[in-house]
């Protein structure tokens, strides 16, 4: 099992980024989530696909971030718009069914 994030970068406030998480091995792309850990902060949930088929978001990113997936590519995405400095963090994908984490990708939002 392997989860590999990509797409992290430096961006100015108000900008956009799209993160990808490519999954390989015995992973169900429907049972995954995005987490992030900012400097000096605890890791927190950003978005997650649920057992019921919906997607939940942290209040801090609602209306700005969108999680999606491509089953044919076994890849999950996180579209991040209207980025703020407080979105600066290492972003991780997480298989909440199997308990696997990716290595993370750095997102930095600053002017």
Foldseek 3Di string as FASTA:
>chain_A
DAWAKDWADEEEAQAKTKMKIQDDDPADLQQKFKWWAAVPGDIGGAKGRDPVGDMDGDPVQPPFWDWDDDVVRNMIMIIGGRDDQVVFTWMWMARVVVGDIHPTGTHGYHD
